[in-house]
N, C-alpha and C. Protein backbone atom coordinates (compact mmCIF):
# COMPACT_ATOMS: atom_id res chain seq x y z
N UNK A 1 0.85 -1.19 0.00
CA UNK A 1 0.00 0.00 0.00
C UNK A 1 0.89 1.25 0.00
N UNK A 2 0.30 2.36 -0.35
CA UNK A 2 1.05 3.61 -0.44
C UNK A 2 1.06 4.34 0.90
N UNK A 3 1.88 3.89 1.80
CA UNK A 3 2.05 4.57 3.08
C UNK A 3 2.94 5.79 2.88
N UNK A 4 2.95 6.67 3.86
CA UNK A 4 3.83 7.84 3.79
C UNK A 4 5.29 7.41 3.61
N UNK A 5 5.71 6.39 4.32
CA UNK A 5 7.09 5.91 4.23
C UNK A 5 7.41 5.39 2.84
N UNK A 6 6.49 4.67 2.23
CA UNK A 6 6.70 4.12 0.88
C UNK A 6 6.83 5.25 -0.14
N UNK A 7 5.96 6.24 -0.05
CA UNK A 7 6.00 7.38 -0.98
C UNK A 7 7.30 8.16 -0.79
N UNK A 8 7.64 8.47 0.46
CA UNK A 8 8.88 9.20 0.74
C UNK A 8 10.09 8.44 0.21
N UNK A 9 10.15 7.16 0.48
CA UNK A 9 11.29 6.36 0.04
C UNK A 9 11.37 6.26 -1.48
N UNK A 10 10.21 6.17 -2.15
CA UNK A 10 10.20 6.09 -3.61
C UNK A 10 10.71 7.40 -4.22
N UNK A 11 10.24 8.54 -3.71
CA UNK A 11 10.72 9.83 -4.21
C UNK A 11 12.21 10.00 -3.93
N UNK A 12 12.62 9.63 -2.73
CA UNK A 12 14.03 9.77 -2.36
C UNK A 12 14.92 8.91 -3.26
N UNK A 13 14.55 7.65 -3.46
CA UNK A 13 15.40 6.78 -4.28
C UNK A 13 15.42 7.23 -5.73
N UNK A 14 14.29 7.75 -6.22
CA UNK A 14 14.24 8.27 -7.59
C UNK A 14 15.20 9.44 -7.76
N UNK A 15 15.21 10.36 -6.82
CA UNK A 15 16.07 11.53 -6.95
C UNK A 15 17.53 11.20 -6.67
N UNK A 16 17.79 10.26 -5.82
CA UNK A 16 19.18 9.82 -5.61
C UNK A 16 19.70 9.20 -6.90
N UNK A 17 18.89 8.39 -7.57
CA UNK A 17 19.30 7.78 -8.84
C UNK A 17 19.48 8.84 -9.92
N UNK A 18 18.56 9.80 -9.98
CA UNK A 18 18.68 10.89 -10.96
C UNK A 18 19.97 11.66 -10.75
N UNK A 19 20.27 11.97 -9.50
CA UNK A 19 21.50 12.70 -9.18
C UNK A 19 22.71 11.88 -9.60
N UNK A 20 22.71 10.58 -9.33
CA UNK A 20 23.83 9.71 -9.68
C UNK A 20 23.98 9.60 -11.20
N UNK A 21 22.87 9.52 -11.92
CA UNK A 21 22.91 9.40 -13.37
C UNK A 21 23.54 10.62 -14.04
N UNK A 22 23.38 11.79 -13.43
CA UNK A 22 23.90 13.01 -14.03
C UNK A 22 25.22 13.48 -13.41
N UNK A 23 25.75 12.73 -12.46
CA UNK A 23 27.01 13.09 -11.82
C UNK A 23 28.11 13.22 -12.87
N UNK A 24 28.80 14.34 -12.85
CA UNK A 24 29.88 14.56 -13.80
C UNK A 24 29.44 15.17 -15.12
N UNK A 25 28.17 15.34 -15.32
CA UNK A 25 27.65 15.92 -16.57
C UNK A 25 27.27 17.38 -16.39
N UNK A 26 27.57 17.97 -15.28
CA UNK A 26 27.14 19.33 -15.01
C UNK A 26 26.03 19.30 -13.97
N UNK A 27 25.35 20.39 -13.83
CA UNK A 27 24.33 20.51 -12.81
C UNK A 27 23.06 19.76 -13.14
N UNK A 28 22.41 19.27 -12.11
CA UNK A 28 21.13 18.61 -12.24
C UNK A 28 20.12 19.40 -11.43
N UNK A 29 19.02 19.78 -12.05
CA UNK A 29 17.99 20.52 -11.35
C UNK A 29 16.63 19.97 -11.75
N UNK A 30 15.85 19.59 -10.77
CA UNK A 30 14.49 19.11 -11.02
C UNK A 30 13.67 19.25 -9.76
N UNK A 31 12.41 19.57 -9.93
CA UNK A 31 11.46 19.62 -8.82
C UNK A 31 10.19 18.92 -9.26
N UNK A 32 9.65 18.08 -8.38
CA UNK A 32 8.44 17.32 -8.67
C UNK A 32 7.46 17.52 -7.53
N UNK A 33 6.21 17.75 -7.87
CA UNK A 33 5.14 17.80 -6.86
C UNK A 33 4.13 16.71 -7.19
N UNK A 34 3.79 15.93 -6.20
CA UNK A 34 2.86 14.82 -6.36
C UNK A 34 1.72 15.04 -5.37
N UNK A 35 0.50 15.10 -5.87
CA UNK A 35 -0.67 15.23 -5.01
C UNK A 35 -1.33 13.86 -4.96
N UNK A 36 -1.40 13.30 -3.75
CA UNK A 36 -1.92 11.96 -3.58
C UNK A 36 -2.63 11.86 -2.24
N UNK A 37 -3.87 11.45 -2.24
CA UNK A 37 -4.66 11.30 -1.00
C UNK A 37 -4.66 12.58 -0.17
N UNK A 38 -4.90 13.70 -0.81
CA UNK A 38 -4.99 15.01 -0.15
C UNK A 38 -3.70 15.46 0.52
N UNK A 39 -2.57 14.92 0.08
CA UNK A 39 -1.26 15.37 0.55
C UNK A 39 -0.43 15.81 -0.66
N UNK A 40 0.42 16.79 -0.43
CA UNK A 40 1.34 17.22 -1.47
C UNK A 40 2.73 16.75 -1.08
N UNK A 41 3.34 15.99 -1.97
CA UNK A 41 4.71 15.50 -1.79
C UNK A 41 5.59 16.28 -2.75
N UNK A 42 6.68 16.85 -2.25
CA UNK A 42 7.58 17.63 -3.09
C UNK A 42 8.98 17.08 -2.93
N UNK A 43 9.62 16.85 -4.07
CA UNK A 43 11.00 16.37 -4.07
C UNK A 43 11.79 17.24 -5.03
N UNK A 44 13.04 17.52 -4.68
CA UNK A 44 13.87 18.29 -5.60
C UNK A 44 15.30 17.83 -5.53
N UNK A 45 16.00 18.09 -6.60
CA UNK A 45 17.43 17.82 -6.68
C UNK A 45 18.08 19.06 -7.29
N UNK A 46 19.24 19.41 -6.78
CA UNK A 46 19.93 20.58 -7.30
C UNK A 46 19.35 21.87 -6.77
N UNK A 47 19.70 22.94 -7.42
CA UNK A 47 19.33 24.28 -6.98
C UNK A 47 17.98 24.66 -7.60
N UNK A 48 16.94 24.00 -7.13
CA UNK A 48 15.60 24.30 -7.58
C UNK A 48 14.71 24.51 -6.36
N UNK A 49 13.59 25.14 -6.58
CA UNK A 49 12.74 25.50 -5.44
C UNK A 49 11.27 25.33 -5.81
N UNK A 50 10.50 24.80 -4.88
CA UNK A 50 9.05 24.73 -5.03
C UNK A 50 8.43 25.76 -4.09
N UNK A 51 7.50 26.53 -4.61
CA UNK A 51 6.78 27.53 -3.83
C UNK A 51 5.30 27.22 -3.91
N UNK A 52 4.63 27.14 -2.78
CA UNK A 52 3.18 26.98 -2.75
C UNK A 52 2.56 28.35 -2.49
N UNK A 53 1.52 28.65 -3.23
CA UNK A 53 0.84 29.93 -3.06
C UNK A 53 -0.59 29.65 -2.60
N UNK A 54 -0.93 30.19 -1.44
CA UNK A 54 -2.27 30.02 -0.88
C UNK A 54 -3.27 30.89 -1.65
N UNK A 55 -4.54 30.61 -1.44
CA UNK A 55 -5.59 31.38 -2.10
C UNK A 55 -5.50 32.87 -1.80
N UNK A 56 -4.99 33.22 -0.60
CA UNK A 56 -4.88 34.64 -0.24
C UNK A 56 -3.62 35.29 -0.80
N UNK A 57 -2.84 34.54 -1.58
CA UNK A 57 -1.63 35.08 -2.20
C UNK A 57 -0.37 34.90 -1.37
N UNK A 58 -0.49 34.34 -0.17
CA UNK A 58 0.68 34.10 0.67
C UNK A 58 1.53 32.97 0.07
N UNK A 59 2.82 33.22 -0.05
CA UNK A 59 3.73 32.22 -0.62
C UNK A 59 4.49 31.51 0.50
N UNK A 60 4.68 30.20 0.31
CA UNK A 60 5.39 29.37 1.27
C UNK A 60 6.46 28.60 0.51
N UNK A 61 7.71 28.70 0.96
CA UNK A 61 8.76 27.89 0.36
C UNK A 61 8.55 26.45 0.80
N UNK A 62 8.42 25.53 -0.17
CA UNK A 62 8.05 24.15 0.13
C UNK A 62 9.20 23.17 -0.07
N UNK A 63 10.35 23.66 -0.47
CA UNK A 63 11.51 22.77 -0.63
C UNK A 63 12.76 23.56 -0.27
N UNK A 64 13.84 22.83 -0.07
CA UNK A 64 15.11 23.47 0.30
C UNK A 64 16.03 23.51 -0.91
N UNK A 65 16.57 24.69 -1.19
CA UNK A 65 17.54 24.82 -2.28
C UNK A 65 18.83 24.13 -1.88
N UNK A 66 19.50 23.51 -2.82
CA UNK A 66 20.79 22.87 -2.57
C UNK A 66 21.89 23.91 -2.75
N UNK A 67 22.09 24.73 -1.77
CA UNK A 67 23.09 25.81 -1.83
C UNK A 67 24.41 25.32 -1.25
N UNK A 68 25.53 25.68 -1.86
CA UNK A 68 26.82 25.16 -1.41
C UNK A 68 27.30 25.70 -0.06
N UNK A 69 26.61 26.68 0.52
CA UNK A 69 27.00 27.16 1.84
C UNK A 69 26.22 26.47 2.97
N UNK A 70 25.29 25.58 2.64
CA UNK A 70 24.57 24.81 3.65
C UNK A 70 25.45 23.62 4.05
N UNK A 71 25.74 23.46 5.33
CA UNK A 71 26.70 22.44 5.78
C UNK A 71 26.49 21.04 5.21
N UNK A 72 25.24 20.56 5.13
CA UNK A 72 25.06 19.20 4.63
C UNK A 72 25.40 19.08 3.14
N UNK A 73 25.25 20.18 2.39
CA UNK A 73 25.64 20.14 0.98
C UNK A 73 27.15 20.25 0.83
N UNK A 74 27.79 21.02 1.70
CA UNK A 74 29.26 21.08 1.69
C UNK A 74 29.82 19.67 1.92
N UNK A 75 29.27 18.96 2.91
CA UNK A 75 29.73 17.59 3.19
C UNK A 75 29.55 16.68 1.98
N UNK A 76 28.41 16.80 1.30
CA UNK A 76 28.17 15.97 0.12
C UNK A 76 29.17 16.29 -0.98
N UNK A 77 29.40 17.56 -1.23
CA UNK A 77 30.34 17.98 -2.27
C UNK A 77 31.74 17.46 -1.95
N UNK A 78 32.16 17.60 -0.69
CA UNK A 78 33.49 17.13 -0.29
C UNK A 78 33.59 15.61 -0.36
N UNK A 79 32.51 14.90 -0.03
CA UNK A 79 32.51 13.44 -0.13
C UNK A 79 32.73 12.99 -1.57
N UNK A 80 32.25 13.79 -2.51
CA UNK A 80 32.41 13.49 -3.94
C UNK A 80 33.73 14.05 -4.49
N UNK A 81 34.65 14.40 -3.57
CA UNK A 81 35.98 14.90 -3.92
C UNK A 81 35.96 16.30 -4.53
N UNK A 82 34.90 17.03 -4.28
CA UNK A 82 34.82 18.41 -4.73
C UNK A 82 35.16 19.36 -3.60
N UNK A 83 35.05 20.65 -3.85
CA UNK A 83 35.30 21.64 -2.81
C UNK A 83 34.41 22.85 -3.06
N UNK A 84 34.22 23.64 -2.02
CA UNK A 84 33.37 24.82 -2.10
C UNK A 84 34.22 26.04 -1.79
N UNK A 85 34.16 27.02 -2.67
CA UNK A 85 34.80 28.31 -2.44
C UNK A 85 33.73 29.37 -2.58
N UNK A 86 33.51 30.11 -1.52
CA UNK A 86 32.48 31.16 -1.56
C UNK A 86 33.18 32.50 -1.66
N UNK A 87 32.87 33.24 -2.74
CA UNK A 87 33.55 34.49 -2.99
C UNK A 87 32.64 35.70 -2.98
N UNK A 88 31.33 35.48 -2.77
CA UNK A 88 30.42 36.62 -2.73
C UNK A 88 29.41 36.42 -1.62
N UNK A 89 28.62 37.43 -1.39
CA UNK A 89 27.57 37.38 -0.38
C UNK A 89 26.56 36.31 -0.77
N UNK A 90 26.28 35.37 0.13
CA UNK A 90 25.36 34.27 -0.18
C UNK A 90 24.01 34.46 0.51
N UNK A 91 23.71 35.64 0.95
CA UNK A 91 22.45 35.84 1.67
C UNK A 91 21.25 35.94 0.73
N UNK A 92 21.45 36.08 -0.55
CA UNK A 92 20.32 36.21 -1.47
C UNK A 92 19.88 34.86 -2.00
């Protein structure tokens, strides 16, 4: 059955495979939204963002950008034998 864990794991494994398939070919960016049983599932890879907009016009960031100044992304980049050099303001 489609439990929350099954859906989460399916999206996660799909995006891990997508990321692996494009490793070394340049950047990979994709965002997917799945509406199932009155829930919205959002998955992303790379520097992409999902924004939900409510009926009143209020916007909510629904995914996390893969920015190189976020510690867990730095660790991933370094694990893949890469490195991060930040030369400008990253607050934007």
